[in-house]
Amino acid sequence: MASRTVMHRLVANAAAVRPATRGFATADHLPPVKLFGVHARYANATYTAASKVGKLAAVETELLGFKEVMTKNSAFAGFLGNPTIAREAKVDAIEKMFDGPKTTPVTKNLMITMASNNLIGEADKVVDMFAELMKAQRGEVECIITSAAALTKPQLKKIQDGLAAQTGGKAVAVSTVVDEALLGGVTVQIGDKFLDMSVASKINTFKRGLM
Protein backbone atom coordinates (compact mmCIF):
# COMPACT_ATOMS: atom_id res chain seq x y z
CA MET A 1 0.00 0.00 0.00
CA ALA A 2 2.82 2.38 0.88
CA SER A 3 4.49 1.78 -2.48
CA ARG A 4 1.28 2.57 -4.35
CA THR A 5 0.92 5.83 -2.45
CA VAL A 6 4.45 6.84 -3.34
CA MET A 7 3.90 6.00 -7.01
CA HIS A 8 0.78 8.15 -7.06
CA ARG A 9 2.78 11.04 -5.62
CA LEU A 10 5.48 10.82 -8.26
CA VAL A 11 2.90 10.56 -11.04
CA ALA A 12 1.39 13.78 -9.73
CA ASN A 13 4.82 15.37 -9.67
CA ALA A 14 5.50 14.23 -13.23
CA ALA A 15 2.29 15.88 -14.39
CA ALA A 16 3.49 19.10 -12.86
CA VAL A 17 6.45 19.35 -15.23
CA ARG A 18 4.21 19.69 -18.29
CA PRO A 19 3.88 23.21 -19.73
CA ALA A 20 1.91 25.31 -17.27
CA THR A 21 -1.44 26.63 -18.32
CA ARG A 22 -3.06 27.28 -14.94
CA GLY A 23 -0.90 30.05 -13.53
CA PHE A 24 2.60 31.13 -12.66
CA ALA A 25 3.10 28.96 -9.56
CA THR A 26 3.65 25.77 -11.57
CA ALA A 27 5.76 27.48 -14.24
CA ASP A 28 8.09 28.86 -11.57
CA HIS A 29 9.06 25.32 -10.62
CA LEU A 30 9.50 23.85 -14.08
CA PRO A 31 12.96 22.42 -14.95
CA PRO A 32 15.21 25.08 -16.54
CA VAL A 33 15.93 22.95 -19.62
CA LYS A 34 14.01 20.27 -21.49
CA LEU A 35 15.25 16.72 -21.05
CA PHE A 36 13.53 13.73 -22.63
CA GLY A 37 13.30 10.00 -22.04
CA VAL A 38 12.35 7.65 -19.21
CA HIS A 39 15.12 8.79 -16.87
CA ALA A 40 14.40 12.44 -17.68
CA ARG A 41 10.78 12.04 -16.58
CA TYR A 42 11.93 11.00 -13.12
CA ALA A 43 14.53 13.79 -12.98
CA ASN A 44 12.02 16.41 -14.17
CA ALA A 45 9.38 15.34 -11.65
CA THR A 46 11.91 15.30 -8.84
CA TYR A 47 13.19 18.76 -9.77
CA THR A 48 9.67 20.20 -9.70
CA ALA A 49 8.81 18.51 -6.39
CA ALA A 50 12.07 19.67 -4.77
CA SER A 51 11.66 23.22 -6.11
CA LYS A 52 8.16 23.51 -4.66
CA VAL A 53 9.42 22.75 -1.15
CA GLY A 54 12.68 24.67 -1.49
CA LYS A 55 14.87 21.56 -1.26
CA LEU A 56 16.71 21.53 -4.60
CA ALA A 57 20.20 21.71 -3.09
CA ALA A 58 19.42 19.10 -0.43
CA VAL A 59 17.97 16.67 -2.97
CA GLU A 60 20.96 17.14 -5.27
CA THR A 61 23.33 16.32 -2.42
CA GLU A 62 21.34 13.22 -1.48
CA LEU A 63 21.13 11.95 -5.05
CA LEU A 64 24.84 12.47 -5.69
CA GLY A 65 25.56 10.65 -2.44
CA PHE A 66 23.40 7.71 -3.51
CA LYS A 67 25.19 7.53 -6.85
CA GLU A 68 28.53 7.51 -5.07
CA VAL A 69 27.38 4.56 -2.96
CA MET A 70 26.35 2.71 -6.13
CA THR A 71 29.73 3.46 -7.72
CA LYS A 72 31.83 2.38 -4.75
CA ASN A 73 29.73 -0.61 -3.63
CA SER A 74 29.51 -2.99 -6.58
CA ALA A 75 27.62 -5.59 -4.54
CA PHE A 76 24.90 -3.08 -3.68
CA ALA A 77 24.70 -1.83 -7.27
CA GLY A 78 24.50 -5.44 -8.46
CA PHE A 79 21.65 -6.13 -6.04
CA LEU A 80 19.68 -3.14 -7.29
CA GLY A 81 20.28 -3.98 -10.95
CA ASN A 82 19.65 -7.74 -10.66
CA PRO A 83 16.42 -8.49 -12.60
CA THR A 84 15.97 -11.82 -10.79
CA ILE A 85 15.56 -10.14 -7.39
CA ALA A 86 11.95 -9.31 -6.56
CA ARG A 87 11.11 -5.61 -6.67
CA GLU A 88 9.53 -5.97 -3.22
CA ALA A 89 12.96 -6.84 -1.80
CA LYS A 90 14.47 -3.78 -3.48
CA VAL A 91 11.67 -1.53 -2.21
CA ASP A 92 12.24 -2.84 1.32
CA ALA A 93 15.99 -2.20 1.08
CA ILE A 94 15.48 1.34 -0.22
CA GLU A 95 12.86 2.13 2.42
CA LYS A 96 15.28 1.08 5.15
CA MET A 97 18.15 3.00 3.55
CA PHE A 98 16.20 6.25 3.36
CA ASP A 99 14.30 5.85 6.62
CA GLY A 100 14.60 8.68 9.12
CA PRO A 101 14.30 12.48 9.23
CA LYS A 102 17.70 13.19 7.66
CA THR A 103 16.50 12.35 4.14
CA THR A 104 14.08 14.64 2.30
CA PRO A 105 10.70 13.10 1.40
CA VAL A 106 11.35 14.07 -2.23
CA THR A 107 14.44 11.89 -2.50
CA LYS A 108 12.82 9.04 -0.59
CA ASN A 109 9.72 9.14 -2.81
CA LEU A 110 11.85 9.08 -5.95
CA MET A 111 13.93 6.10 -4.85
CA ILE A 112 10.97 4.06 -3.61
CA THR A 113 9.07 4.78 -6.81
CA MET A 114 11.99 3.68 -8.97
CA ALA A 115 12.35 0.53 -6.87
CA SER A 116 8.61 -0.13 -7.20
CA ASN A 117 8.90 0.22 -10.98
CA ASN A 118 11.99 -2.04 -11.02
CA LEU A 119 14.21 0.80 -12.28
CA ILE A 120 16.29 1.47 -9.18
CA GLY A 121 19.32 -0.13 -10.84
CA GLU A 122 19.29 2.80 -13.27
CA ALA A 123 19.11 5.46 -10.56
CA ASP A 124 22.56 6.75 -11.51
CA LYS A 125 21.19 7.87 -14.89
CA VAL A 126 18.41 9.81 -13.19
CA VAL A 127 20.95 11.40 -10.85
CA ASP A 128 23.05 12.52 -13.83
CA MET A 129 20.02 14.14 -15.44
CA PHE A 130 19.02 15.84 -12.20
CA ALA A 131 22.57 17.17 -11.89
CA GLU A 132 22.29 18.52 -15.43
CA LEU A 133 19.10 20.36 -14.48
CA MET A 134 20.82 21.83 -11.43
CA LYS A 135 23.76 23.07 -13.50
CA ALA A 136 21.32 24.81 -15.82
CA GLN A 137 19.45 26.25 -12.84
CA ARG A 138 22.69 27.75 -11.49
CA GLY A 139 23.71 29.01 -14.92
CA GLU A 140 26.86 26.94 -14.87
CA VAL A 141 29.00 26.52 -17.97
CA GLU A 142 30.20 22.95 -18.49
CA CYS A 143 33.89 22.47 -19.10
CA ILE A 144 35.90 19.32 -19.83
CA ILE A 145 39.65 19.52 -19.27
CA THR A 146 41.66 16.68 -20.79
CA SER A 147 45.30 16.19 -19.84
CA ALA A 148 48.01 13.60 -20.46
CA ALA A 149 48.35 13.03 -16.71
CA ALA A 150 46.15 13.83 -13.73
CA LEU A 151 46.28 17.52 -12.89
CA THR A 152 47.43 18.68 -9.47
CA LYS A 153 45.12 20.91 -7.43
CA PRO A 154 47.25 24.05 -8.11
CA GLN A 155 47.27 23.28 -11.85
CA LEU A 156 43.51 22.77 -11.92
CA LYS A 157 42.87 25.95 -9.93
CA LYS A 158 45.04 27.97 -12.30
CA ILE A 159 43.04 26.70 -15.30
CA GLN A 160 39.72 27.30 -13.51
CA ASP A 161 40.69 30.88 -12.65
CA GLY A 162 41.50 31.49 -16.30
CA LEU A 163 38.20 29.98 -17.41
CA ALA A 164 36.21 32.15 -14.98
CA ALA A 165 37.66 35.24 -16.66
CA GLN A 166 36.62 33.89 -20.07
CA THR A 167 33.01 33.17 -19.05
CA GLY A 168 32.19 36.59 -17.69
CA GLY A 169 32.06 35.44 -14.09
CA LYS A 170 29.64 32.56 -14.72
CA ALA A 171 30.12 29.47 -12.60
CA VAL A 172 32.10 26.77 -14.39
CA ALA A 173 31.31 23.09 -13.79
CA VAL A 174 34.63 21.38 -14.47
CA SER A 175 35.23 17.70 -15.14
CA THR A 176 38.65 16.23 -15.88
CA VAL A 177 39.74 13.43 -18.19
CA VAL A 178 43.16 11.78 -18.56
CA ASP A 179 44.28 10.87 -22.08
CA GLU A 180 47.93 9.80 -22.37
CA ALA A 181 47.74 10.22 -26.16
CA LEU A 182 48.00 14.00 -25.64
CA LEU A 183 51.64 13.46 -24.53
CA GLY A 184 51.51 16.69 -22.55
CA GLY A 185 49.56 19.92 -22.18
CA VAL A 186 45.77 20.06 -22.09
CA THR A 187 42.67 20.44 -24.21
CA VAL A 188 39.71 22.44 -22.95
CA GLN A 189 36.12 21.99 -24.13
CA ILE A 190 33.92 24.75 -22.74
CA GLY A 191 30.42 24.98 -24.14
CA ASP A 192 30.80 24.90 -27.93
CA LYS A 193 34.39 26.18 -27.82
CA PHE A 194 37.46 23.94 -28.00
CA LEU A 195 41.02 24.93 -27.13
CA ASP A 196 43.85 22.52 -27.94
CA MET A 197 47.12 23.17 -26.10
CA SER A 198 48.37 19.59 -26.16
CA VAL A 199 51.85 18.47 -27.15
CA ALA A 200 50.33 16.00 -29.62
CA SER A 201 48.57 18.84 -31.42
CA LYS A 202 51.79 20.87 -31.63
CA ILE A 203 53.67 17.87 -33.05
CA ASN A 204 50.96 17.33 -35.67
CA THR A 205 51.08 21.00 -36.61
CA PHE A 206 54.86 20.80 -36.95
CA LYS A 207 54.59 17.68 -39.12
CA ARG A 208 52.08 19.37 -41.43
CA GLY A 209 54.49 22.28 -41.78
CA LEU A 210 57.18 19.93 -43.08
CA MET A 211 55.00 18.51 -45.84
C-alpha atoms as a PDB file:
ATOM      1  CA  MET A   1       0.000   0.000   0.000  1.00  0.00           C
ATOM      2  CA  ALA A   2       2.822   2.379   0.875  1.00  0.00           C
ATOM      3  CA  SER A   3       4.491   1.779  -2.485  1.00  0.00           C
ATOM      4  CA  ARG A   4       1.280   2.567  -4.347  1.00  0.00           C
ATOM      5  CA  THR A   5       0.919   5.830  -2.447  1.00  0.00           C
ATOM      6  CA  VAL A   6       4.452   6.839  -3.342  1.00  0.00           C
ATOM      7  CA  MET A   7       3.904   5.997  -7.010  1.00  0.00           C
ATOM      8  CA  HIS A   8       0.785   8.152  -7.063  1.00  0.00           C
ATOM      9  CA  ARG A   9       2.777  11.035  -5.621  1.00  0.00           C
ATOM     10  CA  LEU A  10       5.475  10.817  -8.264  1.00  0.00           C
ATOM     11  CA  VAL A  11       2.903  10.557 -11.036  1.00  0.00           C
ATOM     12  CA  ALA A  12       1.391  13.783  -9.731  1.00  0.00           C
ATOM     13  CA  ASN A  13       4.819  15.370  -9.667  1.00  0.00           C
ATOM     14  CA  ALA A  14       5.500  14.234 -13.231  1.00  0.00           C
ATOM     15  CA  ALA A  15       2.291  15.875 -14.387  1.00  0.00           C
ATOM     16  CA  ALA A  16       3.493  19.101 -12.861  1.00  0.00           C
ATOM     17  CA  VAL A  17       6.447  19.347 -15.235  1.00  0.00           C
ATOM     18  CA  ARG A  18       4.206  19.695 -18.288  1.00  0.00           C
ATOM     19  CA  PRO A  19       3.878  23.205 -19.733  1.00  0.00           C
ATOM     20  CA  ALA A  20       1.915  25.308 -17.269  1.00  0.00           C
ATOM     21  CA  THR A  21      -1.440  26.631 -18.317  1.00  0.00           C
ATOM     22  CA  ARG A  22      -3.063  27.281 -14.937  1.00  0.00           C
ATOM     23  CA  GLY A  23      -0.897  30.046 -13.534  1.00  0.00           C
ATOM     24  CA  PHE A  24       2.599  31.130 -12.659  1.00  0.00           C
ATOM     25  CA  ALA A  25       3.102  28.964  -9.565  1.00  0.00           C
ATOM     26  CA  THR A  26       3.653  25.774 -11.569  1.00  0.00           C
ATOM     27  CA  ALA A  27       5.757  27.485 -14.243  1.00  0.00           C
ATOM     28  CA  ASP A  28       8.093  28.857 -11.565  1.00  0.00           C
ATOM     29  CA  HIS A  29       9.064  25.318 -10.623  1.00  0.00           C
ATOM     30  CA  LEU A  30       9.504  23.847 -14.084  1.00  0.00           C
ATOM     31  CA  PRO A  31      12.959  22.423 -14.946  1.00  0.00           C
ATOM     32  CA  PRO A  32      15.208  25.082 -16.536  1.00  0.00           C
ATOM     33  CA  VAL A  33      15.927  22.951 -19.620  1.00  0.00           C
ATOM     34  CA  LYS A  34      14.010  20.273 -21.493  1.00  0.00           C
ATOM     35  CA  LEU A  35      15.245  16.722 -21.054  1.00  0.00           C
ATOM     36  CA  PHE A  36      13.525  13.735 -22.627  1.00  0.00           C
ATOM     37  CA  GLY A  37      13.300  10.002 -22.043  1.00  0.00           C
ATOM     38  CA  VAL A  38      12.355   7.648 -19.215  1.00  0.00           C
ATOM     39  CA  HIS A  39      15.116   8.788 -16.872  1.00  0.00           C
ATOM     40  CA  ALA A  40      14.398  12.436 -17.677  1.00  0.00           C
ATOM     41  CA  ARG A  41      10.778  12.040 -16.576  1.00  0.00           C
ATOM     42  CA  TYR A  42      11.925  11.003 -13.115  1.00  0.00           C
ATOM     43  CA  ALA A  43      14.526  13.787 -12.983  1.00  0.00           C
ATOM     44  CA  ASN A  44      12.023  16.412 -14.166  1.00  0.00           C
ATOM     45  CA  ALA A  45       9.376  15.344 -11.651  1.00  0.00           C
ATOM     46  CA  THR A  46      11.907  15.299  -8.836  1.00  0.00           C
ATOM     47  CA  TYR A  47      13.186  18.760  -9.773  1.00  0.00           C
ATOM     48  CA  THR A  48       9.674  20.203  -9.696  1.00  0.00           C
ATOM     49  CA  ALA A  49       8.812  18.514  -6.393  1.00  0.00           C
ATOM     50  CA  ALA A  50      12.068  19.674  -4.774  1.00  0.00           C
ATOM     51  CA  SER A  51      11.661  23.222  -6.108  1.00  0.00           C
ATOM     52  CA  LYS A  52       8.159  23.508  -4.664  1.00  0.00           C
ATOM     53  CA  VAL A  53       9.419  22.745  -1.154  1.00  0.00           C
ATOM     54  CA  GLY A  54      12.678  24.673  -1.491  1.00  0.00           C
ATOM     55  CA  LYS A  55      14.872  21.565  -1.264  1.00  0.00           C
ATOM     56  CA  LEU A  56      16.706  21.530  -4.605  1.00  0.00           C
ATOM     57  CA  ALA A  57      20.196  21.709  -3.092  1.00  0.00           C
ATOM     58  CA  ALA A  58      19.416  19.098  -0.434  1.00  0.00           C
ATOM     59  CA  VAL A  59      17.965  16.672  -2.969  1.00  0.00           C
ATOM     60  CA  GLU A  60      20.957  17.142  -5.270  1.00  0.00           C
ATOM     61  CA  THR A  61      23.334  16.317  -2.419  1.00  0.00           C
ATOM     62  CA  GLU A  62      21.343  13.219  -1.477  1.00  0.00           C
ATOM     63  CA  LEU A  63      21.133  11.952  -5.048  1.00  0.00           C
ATOM     64  CA  LEU A  64      24.843  12.468  -5.688  1.00  0.00           C
ATOM     65  CA  GLY A  65      25.564  10.646  -2.443  1.00  0.00           C
ATOM     66  CA  PHE A  66      23.402   7.708  -3.512  1.00  0.00           C
ATOM     67  CA  LYS A  67      25.189   7.527  -6.852  1.00  0.00           C
ATOM     68  CA  GLU A  68      28.528   7.512  -5.069  1.00  0.00           C
ATOM     69  CA  VAL A  69      27.383   4.563  -2.964  1.00  0.00           C
ATOM     70  CA  MET A  70      26.355   2.712  -6.128  1.00  0.00           C
ATOM     71  CA  THR A  71      29.728   3.465  -7.717  1.00  0.00           C
ATOM     72  CA  LYS A  72      31.831   2.381  -4.755  1.00  0.00           C
ATOM     73  CA  ASN A  73      29.727  -0.609  -3.635  1.00  0.00           C
ATOM     74  CA  SER A  74      29.507  -2.993  -6.583  1.00  0.00           C
ATOM     75  CA  ALA A  75      27.622  -5.589  -4.536  1.00  0.00           C
ATOM     76  CA  PHE A  76      24.901  -3.077  -3.680  1.00  0.00           C
ATOM     77  CA  ALA A  77      24.705  -1.830  -7.265  1.00  0.00           C
ATOM     78  CA  GLY A  78      24.498  -5.438  -8.458  1.00  0.00           C
ATOM     79  CA  PHE A  79      21.651  -6.133  -6.044  1.00  0.00           C
ATOM     80  CA  LEU A  80      19.679  -3.135  -7.291  1.00  0.00           C
ATOM     81  CA  GLY A  81      20.281  -3.982 -10.947  1.00  0.00           C
ATOM     82  CA  ASN A  82      19.652  -7.739 -10.662  1.00  0.00           C
ATOM     83  CA  PRO A  83      16.422  -8.487 -12.603  1.00  0.00           C
ATOM     84  CA  THR A  84      15.968 -11.817 -10.795  1.00  0.00           C
ATOM     85  CA  ILE A  85      15.562 -10.143  -7.394  1.00  0.00           C
ATOM     86  CA  ALA A  86      11.952  -9.307  -6.559  1.00  0.00           C
ATOM     87  CA  ARG A  87      11.111  -5.610  -6.666  1.00  0.00           C
ATOM     88  CA  GLU A  88       9.525  -5.972  -3.220  1.00  0.00           C
ATOM     89  CA  ALA A  89      12.960  -6.836  -1.804  1.00  0.00           C
ATOM     90  CA  LYS A  90      14.467  -3.776  -3.481  1.00  0.00           C
ATOM     91  CA  VAL A  91      11.670  -1.526  -2.213  1.00  0.00           C
ATOM     92  CA  ASP A  92      12.237  -2.838   1.315  1.00  0.00           C
ATOM     93  CA  ALA A  93      15.993  -2.202   1.078  1.00  0.00           C
ATOM     94  CA  ILE A  94      15.476   1.341  -0.221  1.00  0.00           C
ATOM     95  CA  GLU A  95      12.857   2.134   2.423  1.00  0.00           C
ATOM     96  CA  LYS A  96      15.285   1.083   5.145  1.00  0.00           C
ATOM     97  CA  MET A  97      18.150   2.998   3.548  1.00  0.00           C
ATOM     98  CA  PHE A  98      16.199   6.253   3.359  1.00  0.00           C
ATOM     99  CA  ASP A  99      14.301   5.853   6.617  1.00  0.00           C
ATOM    100  CA  GLY A 100      14.598   8.675   9.124  1.00  0.00           C
ATOM    101  CA  PRO A 101      14.304  12.482   9.229  1.00  0.00           C
ATOM    102  CA  LYS A 102      17.698  13.188   7.656  1.00  0.00           C
ATOM    103  CA  THR A 103      16.497  12.346   4.141  1.00  0.00           C
ATOM    104  CA  THR A 104      14.077  14.642   2.303  1.00  0.00           C
ATOM    105  CA  PRO A 105      10.704  13.095   1.404  1.00  0.00           C
ATOM    106  CA  VAL A 106      11.346  14.067  -2.234  1.00  0.00           C
ATOM    107  CA  THR A 107      14.444  11.894  -2.501  1.00  0.00           C
ATOM    108  CA  LYS A 108      12.819   9.038  -0.594  1.00  0.00           C
ATOM    109  CA  ASN A 109       9.723   9.143  -2.814  1.00  0.00           C
ATOM    110  CA  LEU A 110      11.854   9.077  -5.954  1.00  0.00           C
ATOM    111  CA  MET A 111      13.929   6.102  -4.854  1.00  0.00           C
ATOM    112  CA  ILE A 112      10.973   4.063  -3.608  1.00  0.00           C
ATOM    113  CA  THR A 113       9.071   4.784  -6.811  1.00  0.00           C
ATOM    114  CA  MET A 114      11.986   3.677  -8.966  1.00  0.00           C
ATOM    115  CA  ALA A 115      12.354   0.533  -6.875  1.00  0.00           C
ATOM    116  CA  SER A 116       8.610  -0.134  -7.200  1.00  0.00           C
ATOM    117  CA  ASN A 117       8.902   0.217 -10.981  1.00  0.00           C
ATOM    118  CA  ASN A 118      11.990  -2.045 -11.019  1.00  0.00           C
ATOM    119  CA  LEU A 119      14.208   0.799 -12.284  1.00  0.00           C
ATOM    120  CA  ILE A 120      16.290   1.468  -9.185  1.00  0.00           C
ATOM    121  CA  GLY A 121      19.319  -0.131 -10.845  1.00  0.00           C
ATOM    122  CA  GLU A 122      19.288   2.804 -13.274  1.00  0.00           C
ATOM    123  CA  ALA A 123      19.112   5.463 -10.565  1.00  0.00           C
ATOM    124  CA  ASP A 124      22.562   6.755 -11.510  1.00  0.00           C
ATOM    125  CA  LYS A 125      21.191   7.866 -14.885  1.00  0.00           C
ATOM    126  CA  VAL A 126      18.407   9.807 -13.186  1.00  0.00           C
ATOM    127  CA  VAL A 127      20.955  11.399 -10.848  1.00  0.00           C
ATOM    128  CA  ASP A 128      23.051  12.517 -13.827  1.00  0.00           C
ATOM    129  CA  MET A 129      20.021  14.143 -15.444  1.00  0.00           C
ATOM    130  CA  PHE A 130      19.015  15.842 -12.198  1.00  0.00           C
ATOM    131  CA  ALA A 131      22.574  17.173 -11.892  1.00  0.00           C
ATOM    132  CA  GLU A 132      22.286  18.517 -15.435  1.00  0.00           C
ATOM    133  CA  LEU A 133      19.096  20.361 -14.481  1.00  0.00           C
ATOM    134  CA  MET A 134      20.815  21.833 -11.432  1.00  0.00           C
ATOM    135  CA  LYS A 135      23.762  23.070 -13.504  1.00  0.00           C
ATOM    136  CA  ALA A 136      21.321  24.815 -15.823  1.00  0.00           C
ATOM    137  CA  GLN A 137      19.445  26.249 -12.844  1.00  0.00           C
ATOM    138  CA  ARG A 138      22.687  27.748 -11.492  1.00  0.00           C
ATOM    139  CA  GLY A 139      23.706  29.010 -14.919  1.00  0.00           C
ATOM    140  CA  GLU A 140      26.860  26.939 -14.868  1.00  0.00           C
ATOM    141  CA  VAL A 141      29.002  26.521 -17.966  1.00  0.00           C
ATOM    142  CA  GLU A 142      30.196  22.948 -18.488  1.00  0.00           C
ATOM    143  CA  CYS A 143      33.885  22.474 -19.096  1.00  0.00           C
ATOM    144  CA  ILE A 144      35.898  19.320 -19.827  1.00  0.00           C
ATOM    145  CA  ILE A 145      39.652  19.519 -19.273  1.00  0.00           C
ATOM    146  CA  THR A 146      41.656  16.677 -20.792  1.00  0.00           C
ATOM    147  CA  SER A 147      45.300  16.189 -19.841  1.00  0.00           C
ATOM    148  CA  ALA A 148      48.010  13.603 -20.456  1.00  0.00           C
ATOM    149  CA  ALA A 149      48.352  13.034 -16.707  1.00  0.00           C
ATOM    150  CA  ALA A 150      46.153  13.829 -13.733  1.00  0.00           C
ATOM    151  CA  LEU A 151      46.284  17.517 -12.888  1.00  0.00           C
ATOM    152  CA  THR A 152      47.432  18.681  -9.467  1.00  0.00           C
ATOM    153  CA  LYS A 153      45.121  20.909  -7.430  1.00  0.00           C
ATOM    154  CA  PRO A 154      47.251  24.049  -8.107  1.00  0.00           C
ATOM    155  CA  GLN A 155      47.269  23.283 -11.853  1.00  0.00           C
ATOM    156  CA  LEU A 156      43.512  22.767 -11.919  1.00  0.00           C
ATOM    157  CA  LYS A 157      42.870  25.953  -9.932  1.00  0.00           C
ATOM    158  CA  LYS A 158      45.039  27.968 -12.304  1.00  0.00           C
ATOM    159  CA  ILE A 159      43.038  26.702 -15.295  1.00  0.00           C
ATOM    160  CA  GLN A 160      39.720  27.298 -13.507  1.00  0.00           C
ATOM    161  CA  ASP A 161      40.693  30.876 -12.645  1.00  0.00           C
ATOM    162  CA  GLY A 162      41.497  31.495 -16.302  1.00  0.00           C
ATOM    163  CA  LEU A 163      38.196  29.980 -17.410  1.00  0.00           C
ATOM    164  CA  ALA A 164      36.210  32.153 -14.978  1.00  0.00           C
ATOM    165  CA  ALA A 165      37.660  35.239 -16.660  1.00  0.00           C
ATOM    166  CA  GLN A 166      36.622  33.891 -20.065  1.00  0.00           C
ATOM    167  CA  THR A 167      33.009  33.171 -19.050  1.00  0.00           C
ATOM    168  CA  GLY A 168      32.194  36.593 -17.690  1.00  0.00           C
ATOM    169  CA  GLY A 169      32.058  35.438 -14.086  1.00  0.00           C
ATOM    170  CA  LYS A 170      29.640  32.555 -14.724  1.00  0.00           C
ATOM    171  CA  ALA A 171      30.124  29.468 -12.603  1.00  0.00           C
ATOM    172  CA  VAL A 172      32.099  26.773 -14.388  1.00  0.00           C
ATOM    173  CA  ALA A 173      31.312  23.094 -13.789  1.00  0.00           C
ATOM    174  CA  VAL A 174      34.632  21.381 -14.467  1.00  0.00           C
ATOM    175  CA  SER A 175      35.231  17.699 -15.135  1.00  0.00           C
ATOM    176  CA  THR A 176      38.646  16.234 -15.879  1.00  0.00           C
ATOM    177  CA  VAL A 177      39.738  13.434 -18.185  1.00  0.00           C
ATOM    178  CA  VAL A 178      43.156  11.778 -18.561  1.00  0.00           C
ATOM    179  CA  ASP A 179      44.280  10.866 -22.085  1.00  0.00           C
ATOM    180  CA  GLU A 180      47.927   9.797 -22.374  1.00  0.00           C
ATOM    181  CA  ALA A 181      47.739  10.224 -26.165  1.00  0.00           C
ATOM    182  CA  LEU A 182      48.003  13.995 -25.635  1.00  0.00           C
ATOM    183  CA  LEU A 183      51.636  13.457 -24.533  1.00  0.00           C
ATOM    184  CA  GLY A 184      51.509  16.691 -22.554  1.00  0.00           C
ATOM    185  CA  GLY A 185      49.564  19.923 -22.176  1.00  0.00           C
ATOM    186  CA  VAL A 186      45.775  20.062 -22.087  1.00  0.00           C
ATOM    187  CA  THR A 187      42.674  20.441 -24.213  1.00  0.00           C
ATOM    188  CA  VAL A 188      39.711  22.442 -22.945  1.00  0.00           C
ATOM    189  CA  GLN A 189      36.117  21.990 -24.126  1.00  0.00           C
ATOM    190  CA  ILE A 190      33.923  24.753 -22.743  1.00  0.00           C
ATOM    191  CA  GLY A 191      30.424  24.985 -24.142  1.00  0.00           C
ATOM    192  CA  ASP A 192      30.798  24.901 -27.930  1.00  0.00           C
ATOM    193  CA  LYS A 193      34.388  26.176 -27.825  1.00  0.00           C
ATOM    194  CA  PHE A 194      37.460  23.941 -28.003  1.00  0.00           C
ATOM    195  CA  LEU A 195      41.016  24.935 -27.130  1.00  0.00           C
ATOM    196  CA  ASP A 196      43.854  22.516 -27.940  1.00  0.00           C
ATOM    197  CA  MET A 197      47.118  23.170 -26.102  1.00  0.00           C
ATOM    198  CA  SER A 198      48.366  19.594 -26.159  1.00  0.00           C
ATOM    199  CA  VAL A 199      51.854  18.468 -27.152  1.00  0.00           C
ATOM    200  CA  ALA A 200      50.334  15.996 -29.617  1.00  0.00           C
ATOM    201  CA  SER A 201      48.575  18.838 -31.416  1.00  0.00           C
ATOM    202  CA  LYS A 202      51.793  20.871 -31.629  1.00  0.00           C
ATOM    203  CA  ILE A 203      53.667  17.875 -33.045  1.00  0.00           C
ATOM    204  CA  ASN A 204      50.961  17.326 -35.668  1.00  0.00           C
ATOM    205  CA  THR A 205      51.076  21.003 -36.610  1.00  0.00           C
ATOM    206  CA  PHE A 206      54.856  20.804 -36.954  1.00  0.00           C
ATOM    207  CA  LYS A 207      54.593  17.683 -39.117  1.00  0.00           C
ATOM    208  CA  ARG A 208      52.084  19.372 -41.431  1.00  0.00           C
ATOM    209  CA  GLY A 209      54.494  22.284 -41.783  1.00  0.00           C
ATOM    210  CA  LEU A 210      57.180  19.928 -43.079  1.00  0.00           C
ATOM    211  CA  MET A 211      54.999  18.512 -45.835  1.00  0.00           C
END
